[in-house]
Protein backbone atom coordinates (compact mmCIF):
# COMPACT_ATOMS: atom_id res chain seq x y z
CA MET A 1 15.94 16.29 7.06
CA THR A 2 14.45 14.72 10.41
CA THR A 3 11.20 13.96 7.28
CA VAL A 4 14.03 11.51 6.49
CA ALA A 5 15.73 10.14 9.06
CA VAL A 6 11.82 9.75 10.58
CA LEU A 7 10.67 7.84 7.75
CA PHE A 8 13.71 5.46 7.72
CA SER A 9 13.90 4.47 10.64
CA GLY A 10 10.90 1.63 10.76
CA CYS A 11 7.91 3.51 11.43
CA GLY A 12 5.90 1.71 8.76
CA LEU A 13 7.17 2.88 5.49
CA GLY A 14 5.69 -0.76 3.97
CA SER A 15 3.06 0.37 5.11
CA ALA A 16 3.08 4.11 3.67
CA VAL A 17 4.08 2.69 0.64
CA ALA A 18 0.67 -0.10 0.24
CA ALA A 19 -1.89 2.15 1.16
CA PRO A 20 -2.43 4.59 -1.81
CA PHE A 21 -3.16 0.86 -3.80
CA LYS A 22 -5.01 -0.93 -1.43
CA VAL A 23 -7.53 2.59 -0.62
CA THR A 24 -7.85 2.77 -5.26
CA GLY A 25 -8.53 -1.31 -4.87
CA ALA A 26 -11.24 -0.27 -2.15
CA VAL A 27 -12.96 2.09 -5.38
CA VAL A 28 -12.09 0.26 -8.29
CA ASN A 29 -13.72 -2.40 -6.08
CA VAL A 30 -17.53 -0.22 -6.35
CA VAL A 31 -17.70 0.99 -10.27
CA ALA A 32 -15.92 -2.18 -11.73
CA PRO A 33 -15.51 -6.05 -11.00
CA ASN A 34 -13.84 -7.18 -7.92
CA ILE A 35 -10.69 -8.81 -9.69
CA VAL A 36 -9.73 -6.20 -10.35
CA GLY A 37 -10.03 -4.14 -7.34
CA ASP A 38 -8.34 -6.97 -5.48
CA THR A 39 -5.69 -7.81 -7.89
CA ILE A 40 -5.19 -3.83 -6.98
CA SER A 41 -4.68 -4.62 -3.43
CA GLY A 42 -2.89 -7.23 -3.41
CA VAL A 43 -0.63 -5.11 -5.01
CA GLY A 44 -0.30 -3.50 -1.41
CA ASP A 45 -0.29 -6.84 0.39
CA VAL A 46 3.04 -7.60 -1.52
CA ALA A 47 5.09 -3.69 -1.58
CA ASP A 48 3.63 -4.14 2.30
CA THR A 49 5.45 -7.59 2.67
CA VAL A 50 8.15 -6.83 1.20
CA ILE A 51 9.13 -3.85 2.56
CA PRO A 52 10.42 -4.96 5.83
CA PHE A 53 10.49 -2.21 7.90
């Protein structure tokens, strides 16, 4: 229960949601054209921006 309270108290939820997309985008950039990985990373950036806390 306290974990839920910490997650929703503004402790970087947007960053936590965005992190997997950013990591996946970086990995994909190694094996695919940069536009593919950059698009995946862009999803993470949008998630980080849209989630205000």
